[in-house]
Amino acid sequence: MPTSRFQAITAQAWAGMLAILLMMFLVDLERFAMLGQYKELSESLANDPGALGLLVLVCLVDLNVIMQIAIRTFSAK
């Protein structure tokens, strides 16, 4: 497999993982918001993912974006 094709596949995989991470976070927000259960939403966010879980989620999203940028940067000629 040529290197450029491998890099494109890798970048596409990281983009898919980013979409999944964002959807995992947004699905609960949307569900509570559509039902108008804002009190339950704030309680849910306090427990799951919680402060540490939210920090981990933000770090994963940042790492994901940085990895995609790095793959595209180093694959450019």
Protein backbone atom coordinates (compact mmCIF):
# COMPACT_ATOMS: atom_id res chain seq x y z
CA MET A 1 0.00 0.00 0.00
CA PRO A 2 1.47 3.40 -0.94
CA THR A 3 2.33 5.72 1.93
CA SER A 4 -0.04 8.48 0.82
CA ARG A 5 -2.98 6.05 0.74
CA PHE A 6 -2.08 4.75 4.20
CA GLN A 7 -1.92 8.31 5.53
CA ALA A 8 -5.30 9.15 4.00
CA ILE A 9 -6.87 6.06 5.55
CA THR A 10 -5.32 6.89 8.93
CA ALA A 11 -6.56 10.48 8.81
CA GLN A 12 -10.03 9.28 7.83
CA ALA A 13 -10.06 6.84 10.76
CA TRP A 14 -9.10 9.62 13.19
CA ALA A 15 -11.87 11.81 11.72
CA GLY A 16 -14.38 9.01 12.31
CA MET A 17 -13.22 8.65 15.91
CA LEU A 18 -13.65 12.41 16.39
CA ALA A 19 -17.22 12.21 15.13
CA ILE A 20 -17.96 9.35 17.54
CA LEU A 21 -16.44 11.24 20.48
CA LEU A 22 -18.52 14.32 19.75
CA MET A 23 -21.70 12.31 19.31
CA MET A 24 -21.13 10.46 22.59
CA PHE A 25 -20.99 13.81 24.35
CA LEU A 26 -23.84 15.51 22.49
CA VAL A 27 -26.46 12.75 22.53
CA ASP A 28 -27.24 13.11 26.24
CA LEU A 29 -27.27 16.89 25.99
CA GLU A 30 -29.75 16.80 23.13
CA ARG A 31 -32.00 14.23 24.81
CA PHE A 32 -32.40 16.23 28.01
CA ALA A 33 -32.70 19.54 26.16
CA MET A 34 -35.42 18.28 23.81
CA LEU A 35 -37.43 17.02 26.79
CA GLY A 36 -36.91 20.32 28.65
CA GLN A 37 -35.30 18.52 31.58
CA TYR A 38 -32.60 21.08 32.32
CA LYS A 39 -32.35 20.22 36.03
CA GLU A 40 -31.80 16.56 35.18
CA LEU A 41 -29.27 17.62 32.54
CA SER A 42 -27.16 19.50 35.07
CA GLU A 43 -27.35 16.57 37.51
CA SER A 44 -26.40 14.15 34.76
CA LEU A 45 -23.38 16.20 33.70
CA ALA A 46 -22.24 16.46 37.33
CA ASN A 47 -22.21 12.67 37.64
CA ASP A 48 -21.47 11.45 34.13
CA PRO A 49 -18.95 12.36 32.79
CA GLY A 50 -18.17 14.51 35.83
CA ALA A 51 -15.30 16.99 36.04
CA LEU A 52 -12.54 14.46 35.39
CA GLY A 53 -14.46 12.70 32.63
CA LEU A 54 -15.14 16.00 30.90
CA LEU A 55 -11.44 16.87 31.09
CA VAL A 56 -10.53 13.49 29.59
CA LEU A 57 -13.11 13.96 26.81
CA VAL A 58 -11.73 17.41 25.97
CA CYS A 59 -8.16 16.04 25.93
CA LEU A 60 -9.20 13.19 23.62
CA VAL A 61 -10.89 15.58 21.21
CA ASP A 62 -7.82 17.86 21.23
CA LEU A 63 -5.47 14.91 20.65
CA ASN A 64 -7.68 13.71 17.84
CA VAL A 65 -7.66 17.06 16.04
CA ILE A 66 -3.90 17.49 16.53
CA MET A 67 -3.29 13.98 15.15
CA GLN A 68 -5.32 14.72 12.02
CA ILE A 69 -3.43 17.97 11.46
CA ALA A 70 -0.09 16.20 11.97
CA ILE A 71 -0.97 13.43 9.51
CA ARG A 72 -1.98 15.93 6.85
CA THR A 73 1.02 18.19 7.54
CA PHE A 74 3.65 15.46 7.34
CA SER A 75 2.03 13.82 4.32
CA ALA A 76 2.12 17.08 2.32
CA LYS A 77 4.88 17.38 -0.21
